[in-house]
N, C-alpha and C. Protein backbone atom coordinates (compact mmCIF):
# COMPACT_ATOMS: atom_id res chain seq x y z
N MET A 1 0.85 -1.19 0.00
CA MET A 1 0.00 0.00 0.00
C MET A 1 0.89 1.25 0.00
N GLU A 2 0.46 2.24 -0.75
CA GLU A 2 1.20 3.50 -0.86
C GLU A 2 0.75 4.47 0.23
N ALA A 3 1.69 5.23 0.76
CA ALA A 3 1.37 6.32 1.67
C ALA A 3 1.03 7.54 0.83
N VAL A 4 -0.11 8.15 1.13
CA VAL A 4 -0.62 9.29 0.37
C VAL A 4 -1.01 10.39 1.35
N TYR A 5 -0.66 11.63 1.00
CA TYR A 5 -1.06 12.78 1.80
C TYR A 5 -2.11 13.56 1.04
N LEU A 6 -3.24 13.81 1.71
CA LEU A 6 -4.36 14.56 1.14
C LEU A 6 -4.56 15.84 1.94
N SER A 7 -4.84 16.93 1.25
CA SER A 7 -5.19 18.18 1.90
C SER A 7 -6.70 18.35 1.79
N LEU A 8 -7.35 18.63 2.93
CA LEU A 8 -8.79 18.84 2.95
C LEU A 8 -9.09 20.24 3.44
N GLY A 9 -10.08 20.88 2.82
CA GLY A 9 -10.49 22.21 3.23
C GLY A 9 -11.98 22.41 3.06
N SER A 10 -12.54 23.30 3.89
CA SER A 10 -13.97 23.62 3.82
C SER A 10 -14.18 25.05 4.30
N ASN A 11 -15.05 25.79 3.61
CA ASN A 11 -15.40 27.12 4.11
C ASN A 11 -16.89 27.46 3.94
N LEU A 12 -17.70 26.46 3.73
CA LEU A 12 -19.15 26.66 3.64
C LEU A 12 -19.86 25.74 4.63
N GLY A 13 -20.95 26.24 5.19
CA GLY A 13 -21.77 25.40 6.07
C GLY A 13 -21.03 25.00 7.33
N ASP A 14 -21.34 23.82 7.83
CA ASP A 14 -20.70 23.29 9.04
C ASP A 14 -19.35 22.71 8.64
N ARG A 15 -18.33 23.55 8.63
CA ARG A 15 -17.01 23.17 8.12
C ARG A 15 -16.43 21.95 8.85
N GLU A 16 -16.55 21.94 10.17
CA GLU A 16 -16.02 20.80 10.93
C GLU A 16 -16.69 19.50 10.51
N GLU A 17 -17.99 19.55 10.36
CA GLU A 17 -18.75 18.35 9.98
C GLU A 17 -18.37 17.88 8.58
N TYR A 18 -18.20 18.81 7.65
CA TYR A 18 -17.79 18.41 6.29
C TYR A 18 -16.43 17.73 6.32
N LEU A 19 -15.49 18.25 7.11
CA LEU A 19 -14.18 17.61 7.21
C LEU A 19 -14.29 16.21 7.80
N LYS A 20 -15.07 16.09 8.88
CA LYS A 20 -15.26 14.76 9.51
C LYS A 20 -15.89 13.78 8.53
N GLU A 21 -16.93 14.23 7.83
CA GLU A 21 -17.62 13.36 6.88
C GLU A 21 -16.70 12.94 5.74
N ALA A 22 -15.90 13.87 5.25
CA ALA A 22 -14.98 13.54 4.16
C ALA A 22 -13.99 12.47 4.59
N ILE A 23 -13.42 12.61 5.78
CA ILE A 23 -12.47 11.62 6.29
C ILE A 23 -13.16 10.27 6.44
N SER A 24 -14.37 10.29 6.98
CA SER A 24 -15.13 9.05 7.16
C SER A 24 -15.41 8.38 5.82
N LYS A 25 -15.86 9.15 4.84
CA LYS A 25 -16.19 8.58 3.53
C LYS A 25 -14.94 8.08 2.80
N LEU A 26 -13.82 8.77 2.95
CA LEU A 26 -12.58 8.28 2.36
C LEU A 26 -12.24 6.90 2.93
N GLY A 27 -12.35 6.77 4.25
CA GLY A 27 -11.99 5.54 4.93
C GLY A 27 -12.96 4.39 4.72
N GLN A 28 -14.13 4.67 4.16
CA GLN A 28 -15.10 3.60 3.91
C GLN A 28 -14.73 2.76 2.69
N HIS A 29 -13.83 3.26 1.86
CA HIS A 29 -13.39 2.50 0.69
C HIS A 29 -12.52 1.34 1.17
N ILE A 30 -12.77 0.15 0.66
CA ILE A 30 -12.07 -1.05 1.10
C ILE A 30 -10.56 -0.98 0.85
N GLN A 31 -10.13 -0.16 -0.11
CA GLN A 31 -8.71 -0.07 -0.45
C GLN A 31 -8.03 1.17 0.13
N ILE A 32 -8.69 1.81 1.11
CA ILE A 32 -8.11 2.99 1.76
C ILE A 32 -8.14 2.79 3.27
N LYS A 33 -7.00 3.06 3.89
CA LYS A 33 -6.92 3.06 5.36
C LYS A 33 -6.49 4.46 5.79
N VAL A 34 -7.33 5.13 6.58
CA VAL A 34 -6.95 6.43 7.12
C VAL A 34 -5.93 6.18 8.22
N ASP A 35 -4.74 6.75 8.06
CA ASP A 35 -3.62 6.49 8.97
C ASP A 35 -3.50 7.56 10.05
N THR A 36 -3.34 8.82 9.65
CA THR A 36 -3.11 9.92 10.59
C THR A 36 -3.81 11.17 10.10
N VAL A 37 -4.35 11.95 11.04
CA VAL A 37 -5.02 13.21 10.71
C VAL A 37 -4.33 14.33 11.49
N SER A 38 -3.99 15.41 10.80
CA SER A 38 -3.35 16.55 11.46
C SER A 38 -4.36 17.33 12.30
N SER A 39 -3.85 18.32 13.01
CA SER A 39 -4.72 19.30 13.65
C SER A 39 -5.47 20.06 12.57
N VAL A 40 -6.51 20.77 12.98
CA VAL A 40 -7.28 21.61 12.06
C VAL A 40 -6.74 23.03 12.16
N TYR A 41 -6.66 23.70 11.02
CA TYR A 41 -6.16 25.07 10.97
C TYR A 41 -7.17 25.97 10.28
N LYS A 42 -7.32 27.17 10.82
CA LYS A 42 -8.17 28.20 10.22
C LYS A 42 -7.26 29.02 9.31
N THR A 43 -7.67 29.19 8.06
CA THR A 43 -6.79 29.83 7.08
C THR A 43 -7.53 30.83 6.22
N GLU A 44 -6.79 31.81 5.77
CA GLU A 44 -7.34 32.81 4.85
C GLU A 44 -7.47 32.18 3.47
N PRO A 45 -8.49 32.59 2.69
CA PRO A 45 -8.62 32.06 1.34
C PRO A 45 -7.48 32.52 0.44
N VAL A 46 -7.16 31.70 -0.54
CA VAL A 46 -6.10 31.98 -1.51
C VAL A 46 -6.74 32.13 -2.88
N GLY A 47 -6.23 33.03 -3.69
CA GLY A 47 -6.76 33.21 -5.04
C GLY A 47 -7.98 34.12 -5.01
N TYR A 48 -9.15 33.54 -4.91
CA TYR A 48 -10.41 34.28 -4.81
C TYR A 48 -10.62 34.57 -3.32
N THR A 49 -10.35 35.82 -2.90
CA THR A 49 -10.32 36.14 -1.47
C THR A 49 -11.63 36.67 -0.91
N ASN A 50 -12.64 36.91 -1.74
CA ASN A 50 -13.93 37.42 -1.27
C ASN A 50 -14.82 36.27 -0.81
N GLN A 51 -14.38 35.61 0.27
CA GLN A 51 -15.12 34.46 0.82
C GLN A 51 -14.67 34.23 2.26
N ASP A 52 -15.40 33.36 2.96
CA ASP A 52 -15.09 33.07 4.36
C ASP A 52 -13.78 32.30 4.49
N GLU A 53 -13.24 32.32 5.73
CA GLU A 53 -12.01 31.58 6.01
C GLU A 53 -12.27 30.07 5.90
N PHE A 54 -11.22 29.35 5.63
CA PHE A 54 -11.27 27.90 5.51
C PHE A 54 -10.85 27.23 6.80
N LEU A 55 -11.32 26.02 6.99
CA LEU A 55 -10.71 25.08 7.92
C LEU A 55 -9.97 24.08 7.05
N ASN A 56 -8.69 23.85 7.36
CA ASN A 56 -7.85 22.94 6.58
C ASN A 56 -7.17 21.93 7.49
N LEU A 57 -6.87 20.78 6.91
CA LEU A 57 -6.07 19.76 7.59
C LEU A 57 -5.43 18.89 6.52
N VAL A 58 -4.52 18.03 6.97
CA VAL A 58 -3.91 17.04 6.08
C VAL A 58 -4.16 15.67 6.67
N VAL A 59 -4.47 14.71 5.81
CA VAL A 59 -4.70 13.32 6.20
C VAL A 59 -3.67 12.45 5.48
N LYS A 60 -3.07 11.55 6.24
CA LYS A 60 -2.21 10.52 5.63
C LYS A 60 -3.06 9.26 5.52
N ILE A 61 -3.15 8.74 4.30
CA ILE A 61 -3.86 7.48 4.09
C ILE A 61 -2.88 6.47 3.52
N LYS A 62 -3.28 5.22 3.55
CA LYS A 62 -2.56 4.16 2.84
C LYS A 62 -3.57 3.53 1.90
N THR A 63 -3.14 3.31 0.66
CA THR A 63 -4.08 2.80 -0.34
C THR A 63 -3.39 1.91 -1.35
N SER A 64 -4.17 0.98 -1.88
CA SER A 64 -3.71 0.16 -3.01
C SER A 64 -4.34 0.65 -4.31
N LEU A 65 -5.11 1.72 -4.25
CA LEU A 65 -5.68 2.31 -5.47
C LEU A 65 -4.58 2.98 -6.27
N SER A 66 -4.78 3.09 -7.57
CA SER A 66 -3.88 3.88 -8.42
C SER A 66 -4.19 5.36 -8.17
N PRO A 67 -3.29 6.26 -8.57
CA PRO A 67 -3.60 7.69 -8.42
C PRO A 67 -4.92 8.09 -9.07
N MET A 68 -5.20 7.60 -10.27
CA MET A 68 -6.44 7.98 -10.95
C MET A 68 -7.67 7.38 -10.26
N GLU A 69 -7.55 6.15 -9.77
CA GLU A 69 -8.66 5.54 -9.03
C GLU A 69 -8.94 6.34 -7.76
N LEU A 70 -7.87 6.77 -7.08
CA LEU A 70 -8.05 7.58 -5.88
C LEU A 70 -8.71 8.91 -6.23
N LEU A 71 -8.27 9.55 -7.29
CA LEU A 71 -8.88 10.82 -7.72
C LEU A 71 -10.37 10.62 -7.98
N ASN A 72 -10.74 9.55 -8.66
CA ASN A 72 -12.16 9.29 -8.92
C ASN A 72 -12.94 9.13 -7.62
N HIS A 73 -12.37 8.42 -6.66
CA HIS A 73 -13.04 8.24 -5.37
C HIS A 73 -13.17 9.58 -4.65
N ILE A 74 -12.11 10.36 -4.65
CA ILE A 74 -12.13 11.68 -3.99
C ILE A 74 -13.22 12.55 -4.60
N GLN A 75 -13.32 12.57 -5.92
CA GLN A 75 -14.33 13.41 -6.56
C GLN A 75 -15.74 12.92 -6.26
N GLU A 76 -15.90 11.63 -6.07
CA GLU A 76 -17.20 11.09 -5.66
C GLU A 76 -17.53 11.54 -4.23
N VAL A 77 -16.55 11.50 -3.34
CA VAL A 77 -16.75 11.98 -1.96
C VAL A 77 -17.13 13.46 -1.98
N GLU A 78 -16.41 14.27 -2.75
CA GLU A 78 -16.72 15.69 -2.85
C GLU A 78 -18.15 15.90 -3.36
N LYS A 79 -18.53 15.16 -4.37
CA LYS A 79 -19.89 15.27 -4.93
C LYS A 79 -20.93 14.90 -3.88
N ASN A 80 -20.68 13.82 -3.13
CA ASN A 80 -21.62 13.40 -2.08
C ASN A 80 -21.75 14.43 -0.97
N LEU A 81 -20.73 15.28 -0.82
CA LEU A 81 -20.76 16.33 0.20
C LEU A 81 -21.08 17.69 -0.42
N ASP A 82 -21.79 17.66 -1.54
CA ASP A 82 -22.36 18.86 -2.18
C ASP A 82 -21.31 19.84 -2.70
N ARG A 83 -20.16 19.35 -3.11
CA ARG A 83 -19.13 20.21 -3.70
C ARG A 83 -19.64 20.74 -5.03
N VAL A 84 -19.55 22.06 -5.22
CA VAL A 84 -19.92 22.71 -6.47
C VAL A 84 -18.68 23.42 -6.99
N ARG A 85 -18.41 23.27 -8.28
CA ARG A 85 -17.22 23.86 -8.90
C ARG A 85 -17.63 25.02 -9.80
N ASP A 86 -17.97 26.16 -9.17
CA ASP A 86 -18.38 27.35 -9.93
C ASP A 86 -17.20 28.29 -10.19
N ILE A 87 -16.51 28.66 -9.12
CA ILE A 87 -15.44 29.66 -9.18
C ILE A 87 -14.13 28.97 -8.81
N ARG A 88 -13.10 29.15 -9.65
CA ARG A 88 -11.80 28.58 -9.30
C ARG A 88 -11.35 29.18 -7.97
N TRP A 89 -10.94 28.33 -7.05
CA TRP A 89 -10.52 28.71 -5.70
C TRP A 89 -11.65 29.37 -4.92
N GLY A 90 -12.89 29.14 -5.35
CA GLY A 90 -14.04 29.74 -4.68
C GLY A 90 -14.49 28.94 -3.48
N PRO A 91 -15.59 29.39 -2.85
CA PRO A 91 -16.10 28.71 -1.66
C PRO A 91 -16.54 27.28 -1.98
N ARG A 92 -16.37 26.41 -0.98
CA ARG A 92 -16.77 25.02 -1.19
C ARG A 92 -17.04 24.34 0.14
N THR A 93 -17.97 23.39 0.07
CA THR A 93 -18.27 22.58 1.26
C THR A 93 -17.07 21.72 1.62
N ILE A 94 -16.41 21.18 0.60
CA ILE A 94 -15.24 20.34 0.82
C ILE A 94 -14.34 20.39 -0.42
N ASP A 95 -13.07 20.39 -0.16
CA ASP A 95 -12.07 20.32 -1.23
C ASP A 95 -11.03 19.30 -0.77
N ILE A 96 -10.75 18.33 -1.60
CA ILE A 96 -9.76 17.30 -1.27
C ILE A 96 -8.75 17.24 -2.40
N ASP A 97 -7.50 17.50 -2.06
CA ASP A 97 -6.42 17.46 -3.06
C ASP A 97 -5.41 16.38 -2.70
N ILE A 98 -4.95 15.66 -3.70
CA ILE A 98 -3.84 14.72 -3.51
C ILE A 98 -2.56 15.55 -3.55
N ILE A 99 -1.82 15.54 -2.45
CA ILE A 99 -0.58 16.32 -2.35
C ILE A 99 0.60 15.46 -2.79
N LEU A 100 0.75 14.31 -2.17
CA LEU A 100 1.83 13.37 -2.48
C LEU A 100 1.26 11.97 -2.51
N PHE A 101 1.77 11.15 -3.39
CA PHE A 101 1.30 9.76 -3.54
C PHE A 101 2.54 8.89 -3.60
N GLY A 102 3.07 8.52 -2.41
CA GLY A 102 4.33 7.78 -2.37
C GLY A 102 5.38 8.56 -3.13
N LYS A 103 6.14 7.87 -3.95
CA LYS A 103 7.16 8.52 -4.79
C LYS A 103 6.64 8.73 -6.21
N ASN A 104 5.35 8.47 -6.42
CA ASN A 104 4.76 8.58 -7.75
C ASN A 104 4.74 10.01 -8.26
N LYS A 105 4.92 10.13 -9.56
CA LYS A 105 4.75 11.40 -10.26
C LYS A 105 3.72 11.18 -11.35
N VAL A 106 2.76 12.08 -11.41
CA VAL A 106 1.71 12.00 -12.42
C VAL A 106 1.58 13.39 -13.04
N ASN A 107 1.45 13.44 -14.34
CA ASN A 107 1.24 14.72 -15.02
C ASN A 107 0.27 14.47 -16.17
N SER A 108 -1.03 14.62 -15.86
CA SER A 108 -2.06 14.40 -16.87
C SER A 108 -3.02 15.59 -16.86
N GLN A 109 -3.97 15.56 -17.76
CA GLN A 109 -4.99 16.63 -17.82
C GLN A 109 -5.74 16.75 -16.50
N ARG A 110 -6.03 15.61 -15.87
CA ARG A 110 -6.87 15.60 -14.67
C ARG A 110 -6.10 15.65 -13.36
N LEU A 111 -4.82 15.30 -13.40
CA LEU A 111 -4.12 15.11 -12.13
C LEU A 111 -2.63 15.38 -12.28
N THR A 112 -2.09 16.13 -11.31
CA THR A 112 -0.64 16.34 -11.22
C THR A 112 -0.20 15.99 -9.81
N ILE A 113 0.77 15.07 -9.71
CA ILE A 113 1.35 14.66 -8.43
C ILE A 113 2.86 14.70 -8.58
N PRO A 114 3.57 15.32 -7.62
CA PRO A 114 3.05 16.04 -6.47
C PRO A 114 2.18 17.23 -6.90
N HIS A 115 1.30 17.65 -5.98
CA HIS A 115 0.45 18.80 -6.26
C HIS A 115 1.34 19.97 -6.67
N PRO A 116 1.02 20.64 -7.77
CA PRO A 116 1.94 21.64 -8.33
C PRO A 116 2.20 22.87 -7.46
N ARG A 117 1.35 23.17 -6.49
CA ARG A 117 1.54 24.38 -5.68
C ARG A 117 1.66 24.09 -4.19
N PHE A 118 1.72 22.83 -3.78
CA PHE A 118 1.70 22.55 -2.35
C PHE A 118 2.87 23.19 -1.62
N HIS A 119 4.02 23.28 -2.27
CA HIS A 119 5.22 23.81 -1.63
C HIS A 119 5.16 25.32 -1.41
N GLU A 120 4.13 25.97 -1.96
CA GLU A 120 3.95 27.42 -1.81
C GLU A 120 2.82 27.76 -0.85
N ARG A 121 2.17 26.77 -0.28
CA ARG A 121 0.94 27.00 0.48
C ARG A 121 1.12 26.61 1.95
N ALA A 122 1.13 27.63 2.79
CA ALA A 122 1.27 27.38 4.23
C ALA A 122 0.11 26.55 4.75
N PHE A 123 -1.09 26.72 4.19
CA PHE A 123 -2.24 25.96 4.69
C PHE A 123 -2.11 24.46 4.42
N VAL A 124 -1.20 24.07 3.53
CA VAL A 124 -0.87 22.66 3.32
C VAL A 124 0.36 22.28 4.13
N LEU A 125 1.39 23.12 4.09
CA LEU A 125 2.67 22.77 4.71
C LEU A 125 2.61 22.69 6.23
N VAL A 126 1.85 23.58 6.88
CA VAL A 126 1.78 23.55 8.35
C VAL A 126 1.20 22.22 8.85
N PRO A 127 0.01 21.80 8.37
CA PRO A 127 -0.48 20.50 8.84
C PRO A 127 0.35 19.32 8.32
N LEU A 128 0.92 19.43 7.13
CA LEU A 128 1.76 18.37 6.59
C LEU A 128 2.99 18.15 7.46
N ALA A 129 3.57 19.24 7.95
CA ALA A 129 4.76 19.15 8.81
C ALA A 129 4.46 18.42 10.11
N GLU A 130 3.20 18.45 10.56
CA GLU A 130 2.80 17.69 11.76
C GLU A 130 2.90 16.19 11.53
N LEU A 131 2.68 15.77 10.30
CA LEU A 131 2.55 14.34 10.01
C LEU A 131 3.83 13.69 9.52
N THR A 132 4.76 14.47 8.97
CA THR A 132 5.98 13.86 8.44
C THR A 132 7.13 14.84 8.46
N ASP A 133 8.32 14.32 8.71
CA ASP A 133 9.54 15.12 8.56
C ASP A 133 10.40 14.54 7.44
N ASP A 134 9.77 13.73 6.58
CA ASP A 134 10.46 13.17 5.42
C ASP A 134 10.76 14.27 4.40
N VAL A 135 11.75 14.01 3.56
CA VAL A 135 12.03 14.89 2.43
C VAL A 135 10.88 14.74 1.44
N LEU A 136 10.30 15.87 1.04
CA LEU A 136 9.09 15.82 0.22
C LEU A 136 9.23 16.46 -1.15
N TYR A 137 10.04 17.51 -1.25
CA TYR A 137 10.07 18.29 -2.48
C TYR A 137 11.43 18.94 -2.63
N GLN A 138 12.09 18.69 -3.75
CA GLN A 138 13.39 19.27 -4.05
C GLN A 138 14.37 19.16 -2.88
N GLY A 139 14.39 17.98 -2.25
CA GLY A 139 15.32 17.73 -1.16
C GLY A 139 14.98 18.40 0.15
N LYS A 140 13.75 18.91 0.29
CA LYS A 140 13.37 19.66 1.48
C LYS A 140 12.18 19.01 2.18
N THR A 141 12.14 19.19 3.51
CA THR A 141 11.01 18.74 4.32
C THR A 141 9.92 19.81 4.29
N ALA A 142 8.75 19.48 4.83
CA ALA A 142 7.66 20.46 4.90
C ALA A 142 8.09 21.67 5.74
N ASN A 143 8.79 21.43 6.85
CA ASN A 143 9.26 22.55 7.68
C ASN A 143 10.24 23.44 6.93
N GLN A 144 11.14 22.84 6.18
CA GLN A 144 12.10 23.63 5.40
C GLN A 144 11.38 24.44 4.31
N LEU A 145 10.40 23.84 3.67
CA LEU A 145 9.61 24.56 2.67
C LEU A 145 8.85 25.71 3.32
N LEU A 146 8.30 25.46 4.49
CA LEU A 146 7.55 26.48 5.22
C LEU A 146 8.46 27.65 5.58
N ASP A 147 9.68 27.36 5.99
CA ASP A 147 10.64 28.42 6.33
C ASP A 147 10.95 29.33 5.14
N GLN A 148 10.79 28.82 3.94
CA GLN A 148 11.06 29.61 2.74
C GLN A 148 9.94 30.60 2.41
N LEU A 149 8.76 30.37 2.97
CA LEU A 149 7.64 31.28 2.69
C LEU A 149 7.87 32.59 3.44
N THR A 150 7.39 33.68 2.88
CA THR A 150 7.65 35.00 3.45
C THR A 150 6.88 35.28 4.73
N LYS A 151 5.76 34.63 4.93
CA LYS A 151 5.00 34.78 6.17
C LYS A 151 4.11 33.57 6.35
N ASP A 152 3.42 33.51 7.47
CA ASP A 152 2.60 32.32 7.77
C ASP A 152 1.32 32.24 6.96
N LYS A 153 0.99 33.27 6.20
CA LYS A 153 -0.17 33.28 5.31
C LYS A 153 -1.49 33.07 6.06
N GLY A 154 -1.57 33.52 7.31
CA GLY A 154 -2.83 33.47 8.03
C GLY A 154 -3.25 32.09 8.50
N VAL A 155 -2.31 31.20 8.75
CA VAL A 155 -2.61 29.84 9.22
C VAL A 155 -2.58 29.83 10.74
N LYS A 156 -3.74 29.53 11.37
CA LYS A 156 -3.83 29.51 12.83
C LYS A 156 -4.48 28.21 13.28
N LYS A 157 -3.91 27.60 14.31
CA LYS A 157 -4.48 26.35 14.82
C LYS A 157 -5.91 26.61 15.28
N TYR A 158 -6.80 25.72 14.89
CA TYR A 158 -8.22 25.82 15.24
C TYR A 158 -8.45 24.96 16.48
N PRO A 159 -9.26 25.44 17.43
CA PRO A 159 -9.34 24.75 18.72
C PRO A 159 -10.00 23.37 18.72
N VAL A 160 -10.60 22.96 17.63
CA VAL A 160 -11.29 21.67 17.60
C VAL A 160 -10.64 20.77 16.56
N GLY A 161 -10.44 19.51 16.90
CA GLY A 161 -9.95 18.54 15.93
C GLY A 161 -11.11 17.77 15.34
N VAL A 162 -10.82 16.98 14.32
CA VAL A 162 -11.87 16.15 13.71
C VAL A 162 -11.55 14.68 13.88
């Protein structure tokens, strides 16, 4: 089974509940085992900023699915949790991104692994650093990548876990 890191975020409705439900639905797949869940972080929106703050976390799973099979399952989970894709980087009930998938690299129309912008996003790197100190990108750990960012980008630990 491959170790995979997923970034989850929500900024509509009951954000905590959407995160909990997403983790639960991911783990219901027979070929996915939820391994570790980071703390929850409250974060400022990126890209389209005229929206509410997000709750974000990172989940480490283990899976025997291929990257594309996992993407299909993730998109089904998002659909089941009322994800609407109207505005790029816009508000959403749930967003699940594949950040890393073992040592796999994928570059297709539908999927890029490692995630092409994860190393620039504090809302991914802060919770990711909780779960691993492995080298992840260009010979650097999540903490080293985080140190390269100019500021914390509004990432604050949220008082409730999922």
